[in-house]
Amino acid sequence: MPIFARFICTKNKKMTKIKSLVWSVLVVVSAASASSAVAQDSNPSNLTSSPYTRYGFGKLGSVGNASTRAMGDVGIALRTNMYTNLYNPASLTAIDTLTMLFDTALDAEWFTMSENGVRENDWNAGFSYLSFHFPLWNRFAGAIAYNPYSMVGYEYGNEVSIPIENALVNNDTLDYSNSYSGSGGLQHFQLSLAWNPVKTRTMQLNLGATAGYICGAVDHGSSIYVSSGQSNSTYSTRSYSCIGWDLLFGAQYTQQIVPGQHVTLGATFAPRTHIGCETQVVKYCGTTDSIGESITNSASLSAPKKFGAGLSYQIDRKLTAMAEYSFENWAKVAGLDANMKRSEGLYQDIHRVAAGFEYRPKLYAQSYFQTCIYRVGASVKNTYVKTFGNQSEFTASCGIGMPCGRRSMFNFSAAYTHSQSVKNGALKENFLHLTLGITFNEMMFYRSRLQ
């Protein structure tokens, strides 16, 4: 073998060992972070302080990553080989069989709450998601992922002073304070498989399926602390733990319009699936050491039926435009009432419309910023909790993908969300959500002929 070829071969082997070591370290660190997040008694990602999370399952999580979040959280018709798209498992076959993808991120959220002229600010930060894409064999691909299914985290209260009639002392009052708190959440573990049964020079059909495991626990606490008068203080906790599963089926049909331009139609469907809950209500008298009543029960709940459809148009791997609609049938899902008992009619259906764009000036250029990916998007939807009527959420987002190495990339997204109920005087919320993710996109299964 020529000296130059031996040098290249030795160098490639060393680089392969270095990449394998880096990958192992990153997988272990990220898995440890995810395990730590799952093991926490508070919500899994520590990314909410909204009082609205007192109702239902809390704030619903997202299967999107930093890239899709920057584009309005779209993905039903998205096909890309740059990152893992979990919104439609059929998209996994867009990544070639030589590539392995690893995606993880951290989140930070700043938000303001206002009600009847009172304003409050807060922020949270924590682990976001973890996904791992891998090729299986020709025309098949798979992925495993972790992301929060729902998050609960709030703490608020008020002080009350009531005049006592016929009191022995003039102007005597009963003074007490109400306080409410909650923490916890449900976690979501996914296994996805994709298949490319039809592929020609101008079109292809892709199918996929995802099976998810849902688990976690939530604690709600409320107390009435009496600082004057003859009444006793009270304290109660309401908690539940859940174990369940969900399914998602997806399809994508891609057609070439002209060379270099493609249109993709995507659709997803999720049937209603079972979630079992064990509930407990504990009421204390005077102090938390004196239990007045403890009630345990079980309830059969479910994950909602879902449907989504989307359209994307791609031009020369530079510009991708997407739009989609999704529906979640929460109105047919039973929930837990204030006494932790199964109750119907607590939720309403979710309708969501979103659109996003992704633009990359050049695939290869001397200017670094010409090879970056620029993203923008927006979405509007209503929430599933029926307590406050028709509560809507509007989100505008943007982001950038910055190459690091040959194919890996740092992805940053910023999303602003305004949430408001139609009821007068209801709580208004404004969120600024930041996600910093990294996608390790390497040809782990490529073997040089010189090796």
Protein backbone atom coordinates (compact mmCIF):
# COMPACT_ATOMS: atom_id res chain seq x y z
CA MET A 1 0.00 0.00 0.00
CA PRO A 2 1.39 3.46 -0.88
CA ILE A 3 2.59 5.59 2.04
CA PHE A 4 -0.04 8.27 1.36
CA ALA A 5 -2.85 5.69 1.37
CA ARG A 6 -1.54 4.21 4.65
CA PHE A 7 -1.50 7.71 6.17
CA ILE A 8 -5.11 8.36 5.09
CA CYS A 9 -6.22 4.95 6.37
CA THR A 10 -4.56 5.47 9.77
CA LYS A 11 -5.98 8.98 10.03
CA ASN A 12 -9.51 7.77 9.20
CA LYS A 13 -9.30 5.04 11.82
CA LYS A 14 -8.20 7.53 14.45
CA MET A 15 -11.02 9.92 13.51
CA THR A 16 -13.52 7.04 13.71
CA LYS A 17 -12.32 6.17 17.22
CA ILE A 18 -12.49 9.82 18.28
CA LYS A 19 -16.04 10.16 16.90
CA SER A 20 -17.11 6.96 18.65
CA LEU A 21 -15.70 8.23 21.94
CA VAL A 22 -17.40 11.62 21.56
CA TRP A 23 -20.69 9.95 20.69
CA SER A 24 -20.47 7.65 23.72
CA VAL A 25 -19.81 10.56 26.07
CA LEU A 26 -22.65 12.62 24.61
CA VAL A 27 -25.12 9.72 24.79
CA VAL A 28 -24.21 9.01 28.42
CA VAL A 29 -24.41 12.68 29.45
CA SER A 30 -27.73 13.24 27.70
CA ALA A 31 -29.21 10.01 29.01
CA ALA A 32 -28.13 10.99 32.52
CA SER A 33 -29.77 14.38 32.06
CA ALA A 34 -32.99 12.75 30.85
CA SER A 35 -32.96 10.23 33.71
CA SER A 36 -32.42 13.04 36.20
CA ALA A 37 -35.31 14.97 34.69
CA VAL A 38 -37.60 11.94 34.83
CA ALA A 39 -36.61 11.17 38.41
CA GLN A 40 -37.46 14.65 39.67
CA ASP A 41 -40.57 15.04 41.83
CA SER A 42 -41.24 18.39 40.19
CA ASN A 43 -42.25 18.67 36.55
CA PRO A 44 -39.86 16.81 34.22
CA SER A 45 -38.52 19.84 32.40
CA ASN A 46 -39.19 22.58 34.97
CA LEU A 47 -40.56 24.83 32.24
CA THR A 48 -43.82 26.23 33.58
CA SER A 49 -45.18 28.34 36.42
CA SER A 50 -48.59 28.91 34.86
CA PRO A 51 -51.64 28.78 37.18
CA TYR A 52 -53.56 27.23 34.27
CA THR A 53 -51.56 24.02 34.80
CA ARG A 54 -53.73 23.40 37.87
CA TYR A 55 -56.35 21.99 35.49
CA GLY A 56 -56.34 18.87 33.33
CA PHE A 57 -53.00 17.19 32.75
CA GLY A 58 -51.29 20.59 32.85
CA LYS A 59 -49.40 22.25 30.02
CA LEU A 60 -49.08 19.84 27.10
CA GLY A 61 -45.58 19.16 25.82
CA SER A 62 -44.31 19.10 22.24
CA VAL A 63 -42.50 16.43 20.22
CA GLY A 64 -40.83 19.19 18.18
CA ASN A 65 -37.14 20.03 18.35
CA ALA A 66 -35.30 23.36 18.15
CA SER A 67 -35.55 23.31 14.34
CA THR A 68 -39.29 22.67 14.03
CA ARG A 69 -40.13 25.00 16.91
CA ALA A 70 -38.52 27.86 15.01
CA MET A 71 -40.94 27.18 12.14
CA GLY A 72 -44.18 27.30 14.13
CA ASP A 73 -43.81 23.69 15.32
CA VAL A 74 -44.73 22.24 11.92
CA GLY A 75 -43.69 18.80 10.74
CA ILE A 76 -46.56 16.72 9.32
CA ALA A 77 -45.37 17.23 5.72
CA LEU A 78 -41.71 17.99 6.51
CA ARG A 79 -39.02 15.78 4.93
CA THR A 80 -35.42 16.57 5.78
CA ASN A 81 -32.13 14.73 6.26
CA MET A 82 -30.78 17.41 8.62
CA TYR A 83 -32.61 16.44 11.82
CA THR A 84 -35.18 13.99 13.22
CA ASN A 85 -38.82 14.94 12.65
CA LEU A 86 -41.08 13.18 15.18
CA TYR A 87 -44.32 14.87 14.11
CA ASN A 88 -44.68 12.32 11.33
CA PRO A 89 -42.79 9.01 11.68
CA ALA A 90 -42.96 8.54 7.88
CA SER A 91 -40.36 11.32 7.54
CA LEU A 92 -37.61 9.18 9.09
CA THR A 93 -36.79 7.57 5.72
CA ALA A 94 -35.62 10.96 4.42
CA ILE A 95 -32.32 10.29 6.23
CA ASP A 96 -29.93 7.99 4.35
CA THR A 97 -28.91 4.57 5.67
CA LEU A 98 -25.32 5.67 6.39
CA THR A 99 -26.33 8.37 8.85
CA MET A 100 -27.05 8.33 12.56
CA LEU A 101 -28.66 11.38 14.21
CA PHE A 102 -28.58 12.39 17.85
CA ASP A 103 -30.59 15.44 18.96
CA THR A 104 -30.90 17.09 22.37
CA ALA A 105 -31.57 20.57 23.76
CA LEU A 106 -32.02 22.87 26.74
CA ASP A 107 -34.98 25.21 27.20
CA ALA A 108 -35.44 28.55 28.94
CA GLU A 109 -38.71 30.43 29.31
CA TRP A 110 -39.47 33.96 30.49
CA PHE A 111 -43.09 34.93 31.00
CA THR A 112 -45.41 37.55 32.46
CA MET A 113 -48.84 37.05 33.99
CA SER A 114 -51.42 39.81 34.45
CA GLU A 115 -54.86 39.78 36.04
CA ASN A 116 -57.04 42.72 37.13
CA GLY A 117 -54.11 45.12 36.93
CA VAL A 118 -51.72 42.86 38.88
CA ARG A 119 -48.58 41.79 36.99
CA GLU A 120 -45.94 39.17 37.80
CA ASN A 121 -42.79 37.95 36.04
CA ASP A 122 -40.99 34.63 36.30
CA TRP A 123 -38.66 32.33 34.38
CA ASN A 124 -37.70 28.65 34.20
CA ALA A 125 -35.01 26.59 32.53
CA GLY A 126 -34.27 22.91 32.13
CA PHE A 127 -33.72 19.84 29.97
CA SER A 128 -35.93 19.72 26.88
CA TYR A 129 -35.87 16.52 24.79
CA LEU A 130 -33.72 13.68 23.55
CA SER A 131 -34.00 11.80 20.24
CA PHE A 132 -31.88 9.20 18.48
CA HIS A 133 -32.37 8.27 14.81
CA PHE A 134 -30.85 5.11 13.35
CA PRO A 135 -31.04 3.26 10.00
CA LEU A 136 -32.31 -0.30 10.03
CA TRP A 137 -31.93 -1.76 6.54
CA ASN A 138 -32.73 -0.74 2.98
CA ARG A 139 -35.83 1.54 2.94
CA PHE A 140 -36.38 1.21 6.72
CA ALA A 141 -35.45 3.58 9.55
CA GLY A 142 -36.22 4.03 13.23
CA ALA A 143 -35.96 6.48 16.12
CA ILE A 144 -36.28 6.53 19.90
CA ALA A 145 -37.07 9.69 21.83
CA TYR A 146 -37.96 11.23 25.16
CA ASN A 147 -40.00 14.40 25.66
CA PRO A 148 -42.45 15.69 28.27
CA TYR A 149 -46.11 14.77 27.66
CA SER A 150 -47.37 17.39 30.14
CA MET A 151 -45.97 19.75 32.76
CA VAL A 152 -47.43 21.10 36.01
CA GLY A 153 -45.83 23.87 38.03
CA TYR A 154 -47.52 26.78 39.81
CA GLU A 155 -47.73 28.60 43.12
CA TYR A 156 -50.15 31.42 43.89
CA GLY A 157 -52.59 32.65 46.55
CA ASN A 158 -54.42 35.57 48.10
CA GLU A 159 -55.19 37.12 51.49
CA VAL A 160 -58.72 37.70 52.78
CA SER A 161 -60.07 39.79 55.67
CA ILE A 162 -63.77 39.40 56.64
CA PRO A 163 -65.49 41.49 59.37
CA ILE A 164 -66.97 39.36 62.16
CA GLU A 165 -70.57 40.18 63.01
CA ASN A 166 -71.49 40.60 66.71
CA ALA A 167 -67.83 40.39 67.66
CA LEU A 168 -66.85 41.13 71.26
CA VAL A 169 -64.23 43.56 69.97
CA ASN A 170 -65.18 46.33 67.57
CA ASN A 171 -63.82 45.97 64.02
CA ASP A 172 -62.71 42.42 64.76
CA THR A 173 -61.97 40.46 61.55
CA LEU A 174 -61.29 36.95 60.39
CA ASP A 175 -57.97 37.04 58.54
CA TYR A 176 -56.81 34.11 56.46
CA SER A 177 -54.80 33.37 53.33
CA ASN A 178 -55.40 30.88 50.52
CA SER A 179 -52.46 29.27 48.79
CA TYR A 180 -52.27 26.80 45.90
CA SER A 181 -49.29 24.91 44.50
CA GLY A 182 -48.63 22.09 42.07
CA SER A 183 -45.71 20.18 40.61
CA GLY A 184 -44.94 17.15 38.48
CA GLY A 185 -45.84 16.01 35.00
CA LEU A 186 -46.13 13.09 32.62
CA GLN A 187 -43.21 11.80 30.56
CA HIS A 188 -43.36 10.41 27.04
CA PHE A 189 -41.04 7.73 25.61
CA GLN A 190 -41.35 6.92 21.91
CA LEU A 191 -40.26 4.24 19.47
CA SER A 192 -40.80 5.06 15.77
CA LEU A 193 -40.42 2.97 12.62
CA ALA A 194 -40.62 4.12 8.98
CA TRP A 195 -40.84 2.32 5.63
CA ASN A 196 -40.38 3.48 2.05
CA PRO A 197 -42.46 0.96 0.00
CA VAL A 198 -42.64 2.97 -3.25
CA LYS A 199 -39.81 5.01 -4.76
CA THR A 200 -39.27 6.13 -8.35
CA ARG A 201 -37.28 8.90 -9.99
CA THR A 202 -40.10 11.45 -9.58
CA MET A 203 -42.19 10.25 -6.63
CA GLN A 204 -42.15 8.24 -3.43
CA LEU A 205 -44.51 7.04 -0.72
CA ASN A 206 -43.45 6.69 2.91
CA LEU A 207 -45.27 5.16 5.86
CA GLY A 208 -44.50 5.22 9.58
CA ALA A 209 -45.76 4.35 13.05
CA THR A 210 -44.90 5.45 16.58
CA ALA A 211 -45.66 3.69 19.87
CA GLY A 212 -45.40 5.81 23.00
CA TYR A 213 -45.25 5.02 26.72
CA ILE A 214 -46.71 7.62 29.11
CA CYS A 215 -45.92 7.72 32.84
CA GLY A 216 -45.51 10.18 35.68
CA ALA A 217 -47.08 11.76 38.74
CA VAL A 218 -48.63 15.11 39.67
CA ASP A 219 -49.21 16.71 43.09
CA HIS A 220 -51.63 19.55 43.84
CA GLY A 221 -51.75 21.25 47.23
CA SER A 222 -54.08 23.84 48.75
CA SER A 223 -54.22 25.42 52.19
CA ILE A 224 -56.19 27.92 54.22
CA TYR A 225 -54.07 29.54 56.91
CA VAL A 226 -56.04 31.43 59.56
CA SER A 227 -54.06 34.16 61.30
CA SER A 228 -56.90 35.45 63.52
CA GLY A 229 -60.27 34.33 64.84
CA GLN A 230 -61.32 30.96 66.26
CA SER A 231 -61.19 28.84 63.07
CA ASN A 232 -58.54 26.21 62.39
CA SER A 233 -56.20 26.19 59.43
CA THR A 234 -56.69 23.42 56.85
CA TYR A 235 -54.42 21.79 54.30
CA SER A 236 -55.13 19.23 51.59
CA THR A 237 -53.25 17.46 48.81
CA ARG A 238 -54.58 15.96 45.58
CA SER A 239 -52.23 13.68 43.66
CA TYR A 240 -52.32 11.12 40.89
CA SER A 241 -49.91 8.84 39.06
CA CYS A 242 -50.47 7.60 35.51
CA ILE A 243 -49.32 4.81 33.24
CA GLY A 244 -50.56 4.58 29.67
CA TRP A 245 -49.61 4.50 26.02
CA ASP A 246 -50.38 6.14 22.70
CA LEU A 247 -50.03 5.39 18.99
CA LEU A 248 -49.37 7.53 15.94
CA PHE A 249 -49.54 6.53 12.26
CA GLY A 250 -48.19 8.70 9.47
CA ALA A 251 -47.86 8.86 5.70
CA GLN A 252 -46.05 11.17 3.28
CA TYR A 253 -46.36 11.32 -0.50
CA THR A 254 -43.67 13.29 -2.37
CA GLN A 255 -43.98 14.29 -6.04
CA GLN A 256 -41.42 16.06 -8.21
CA ILE A 257 -42.94 19.07 -9.98
CA VAL A 258 -39.84 20.01 -11.99
CA PRO A 259 -36.22 18.94 -11.42
CA GLY A 260 -35.13 20.34 -8.05
CA GLN A 261 -38.66 21.16 -6.85
CA HIS A 262 -40.87 18.79 -4.85
CA VAL A 263 -44.22 18.91 -3.12
CA THR A 264 -45.04 16.67 -0.15
CA LEU A 265 -48.45 15.78 1.25
CA GLY A 266 -48.47 14.47 4.81
CA ALA A 267 -51.10 13.03 7.13
CA THR A 268 -51.10 11.61 10.67
CA PHE A 269 -53.66 9.75 12.76
CA ALA A 270 -53.62 8.77 16.44
CA PRO A 271 -56.42 6.61 17.90
CA ARG A 272 -57.71 7.11 21.42
CA THR A 273 -55.66 5.00 23.85
CA HIS A 274 -55.83 4.07 27.52
CA ILE A 275 -54.22 5.91 30.45
CA GLY A 276 -54.74 4.43 33.91
CA CYS A 277 -54.52 6.66 36.99
CA GLU A 278 -54.23 6.04 40.71
CA THR A 279 -55.49 9.01 42.73
CA GLN A 280 -55.24 10.11 46.36
CA VAL A 281 -56.87 12.93 48.32
CA VAL A 282 -55.53 13.72 51.80
CA LYS A 283 -57.04 16.34 54.10
CA TYR A 284 -55.18 17.58 57.16
CA CYS A 285 -56.58 19.30 60.24
CA GLY A 286 -54.57 22.12 61.80
CA THR A 287 -51.12 20.82 60.74
CA THR A 288 -49.72 18.45 58.14
CA ASP A 289 -49.05 15.93 60.92
CA SER A 290 -52.74 15.43 61.65
CA ILE A 291 -54.57 13.54 58.89
CA GLY A 292 -58.29 14.07 58.97
CA GLU A 293 -59.21 12.05 55.87
CA SER A 294 -57.41 10.03 53.20
CA ILE A 295 -59.15 8.68 50.08
CA THR A 296 -57.54 6.59 47.34
CA ASN A 297 -59.16 5.63 44.06
CA SER A 298 -58.44 4.59 40.50
CA ALA A 299 -59.65 6.13 37.25
CA SER A 300 -59.55 5.06 33.61
CA LEU A 301 -58.60 8.00 31.39
CA SER A 302 -57.30 8.19 27.83
CA ALA A 303 -55.09 10.02 25.37
CA PRO A 304 -57.21 11.80 22.73
CA LYS A 305 -57.83 10.83 19.14
CA LYS A 306 -55.78 13.06 16.79
CA PHE A 307 -55.68 13.89 13.11
CA GLY A 308 -53.33 16.12 11.12
CA ALA A 309 -52.72 17.07 7.49
CA GLY A 310 -50.00 19.19 5.94
CA LEU A 311 -48.40 20.40 2.72
CA SER A 312 -44.80 21.39 2.01
CA TYR A 313 -42.99 22.72 -1.05
CA GLN A 314 -39.21 22.46 -1.43
CA ILE A 315 -37.03 24.30 -3.95
CA ASP A 316 -33.49 23.09 -4.66
CA ARG A 317 -32.87 22.07 -1.03
CA LYS A 318 -32.70 25.79 -0.22
CA LEU A 319 -36.25 26.90 0.52
CA THR A 320 -38.99 24.88 2.20
CA ALA A 321 -42.48 26.28 2.87
CA MET A 322 -44.97 24.35 5.00
CA ALA A 323 -48.54 24.66 6.29
CA GLU A 324 -50.64 22.26 8.34
CA TYR A 325 -53.83 21.73 10.33
CA SER A 326 -54.28 19.41 13.30
CA PHE A 327 -57.23 18.33 15.43
CA GLU A 328 -57.25 16.72 18.89
CA ASN A 329 -60.53 15.24 20.15
CA TRP A 330 -60.23 16.18 23.85
CA ALA A 331 -64.01 16.66 24.19
CA LYS A 332 -64.39 12.85 24.29
CA VAL A 333 -61.66 12.44 26.94
CA ALA A 334 -62.66 12.10 30.60
CA GLY A 335 -60.68 14.02 33.21
CA LEU A 336 -60.25 14.29 36.97
CA ASP A 337 -62.40 16.77 38.89
CA ALA A 338 -61.51 18.65 42.09
CA ASN A 339 -62.09 15.46 44.13
CA MET A 340 -59.83 13.38 41.87
CA LYS A 341 -62.77 11.47 40.43
CA ARG A 342 -63.37 10.64 36.78
CA SER A 343 -65.60 13.25 35.16
CA GLU A 344 -66.86 13.94 31.64
CA GLY A 345 -67.14 17.31 29.89
CA LEU A 346 -64.06 18.95 31.39
CA TYR A 347 -62.17 19.39 28.10
CA GLN A 348 -62.76 20.78 24.63
CA ASP A 349 -61.30 19.91 21.22
CA ILE A 350 -58.06 21.53 20.04
CA HIS A 351 -57.89 23.04 16.56
CA ARG A 352 -54.46 24.22 15.43
CA VAL A 353 -53.20 25.93 12.27
CA ALA A 354 -49.49 26.51 11.66
CA ALA A 355 -47.12 27.60 8.90
CA GLY A 356 -43.33 27.76 8.63
CA PHE A 357 -40.42 28.49 6.33
CA GLU A 358 -36.82 27.30 6.16
CA TYR A 359 -34.20 28.98 3.95
CA ARG A 360 -30.55 28.16 3.33
CA PRO A 361 -28.78 30.55 0.90
CA LYS A 362 -26.10 28.05 -0.16
CA LEU A 363 -25.14 24.51 0.69
CA TYR A 364 -21.44 25.32 0.28
CA ALA A 365 -19.89 28.79 0.45
CA GLN A 366 -16.86 30.59 1.83
CA SER A 367 -19.14 32.81 3.90
CA TYR A 368 -20.22 30.94 7.03
CA PHE A 369 -23.58 32.71 7.38
CA GLN A 370 -24.54 31.79 3.80
CA THR A 371 -24.48 28.13 4.86
CA CYS A 372 -26.67 28.73 7.94
CA ILE A 373 -30.36 27.80 7.91
CA TYR A 374 -32.85 30.57 8.69
CA ARG A 375 -36.30 29.67 9.99
CA VAL A 376 -39.55 31.49 10.78
CA GLY A 377 -43.11 30.40 11.57
CA ALA A 378 -46.40 31.06 13.38
CA SER A 379 -49.31 29.09 14.82
CA VAL A 380 -52.68 29.65 16.46
CA LYS A 381 -54.76 27.21 18.50
CA ASN A 382 -57.18 26.92 21.40
CA THR A 383 -56.34 25.12 24.65
CA TYR A 384 -58.04 21.92 25.78
CA VAL A 385 -59.13 22.98 29.29
CA LYS A 386 -62.78 24.09 29.32
CA THR A 387 -62.75 25.85 32.70
CA PHE A 388 -62.04 29.32 31.33
CA GLY A 389 -64.04 29.07 28.11
CA ASN A 390 -62.38 29.44 24.73
CA GLN A 391 -58.77 30.22 25.60
CA SER A 392 -56.57 30.88 22.55
CA GLU A 393 -52.81 30.83 22.04
CA PHE A 394 -50.92 32.68 19.31
CA THR A 395 -47.24 31.92 18.72
CA ALA A 396 -44.66 33.59 16.47
CA SER A 397 -41.22 32.01 16.18
CA CYS A 398 -37.87 32.27 14.45
CA GLY A 399 -34.49 30.58 14.62
CA ILE A 400 -31.20 29.71 13.01
CA GLY A 401 -29.28 26.51 12.31
CA MET A 402 -25.50 26.99 12.52
CA PRO A 403 -23.25 24.29 11.02
CA CYS A 404 -20.55 22.81 13.27
CA GLY A 405 -18.42 20.22 11.58
CA ARG A 406 -19.32 18.55 8.31
CA ARG A 407 -23.02 17.89 8.89
CA SER A 408 -23.76 18.55 12.57
CA MET A 409 -25.49 21.73 13.61
CA PHE A 410 -26.36 24.02 16.51
CA ASN A 411 -30.04 25.01 16.36
CA PHE A 412 -31.49 28.00 18.17
CA SER A 413 -35.15 29.01 18.28
CA ALA A 414 -37.09 31.81 19.94
CA ALA A 415 -40.89 31.72 20.23
CA TYR A 416 -43.27 34.34 21.63
CA THR A 417 -46.69 33.11 22.81
CA HIS A 418 -49.68 35.14 23.93
CA SER A 419 -52.41 33.24 25.80
CA GLN A 420 -55.75 34.76 26.76
CA SER A 421 -59.26 33.60 27.67
CA VAL A 422 -62.43 35.16 26.25
CA LYS A 423 -63.67 35.75 29.81
CA ASN A 424 -63.27 39.31 31.04
CA GLY A 425 -60.66 39.73 33.77
CA ALA A 426 -59.17 36.28 33.16
CA LEU A 427 -55.46 35.70 33.52
CA LYS A 428 -53.34 36.75 30.52
CA GLU A 429 -49.96 35.15 29.85
CA ASN A 430 -47.05 36.08 27.59
CA PHE A 431 -44.15 33.68 27.06
CA LEU A 432 -40.71 33.99 25.49
CA HIS A 433 -39.46 30.45 24.95
CA LEU A 434 -35.83 29.85 23.94
CA THR A 435 -34.41 26.50 22.83
CA LEU A 436 -30.75 25.73 22.25
CA GLY A 437 -30.28 22.35 20.61
CA ILE A 438 -27.52 20.44 18.94
CA THR A 439 -27.92 17.83 16.20
CA PHE A 440 -25.06 15.37 15.73
CA ASN A 441 -25.42 14.30 12.12
CA GLU A 442 -22.58 11.97 11.17
CA MET A 443 -22.08 9.17 8.61
CA MET A 444 -21.36 6.59 11.28
CA PHE A 445 -21.87 3.62 8.93
CA TYR A 446 -19.69 4.88 6.08
CA ARG A 447 -16.55 2.84 5.42
CA SER A 448 -13.80 4.22 3.27
CA ARG A 449 -12.44 1.87 0.60
CA LEU A 450 -8.94 2.69 1.85
CA GLN A 451 -9.64 1.13 5.25
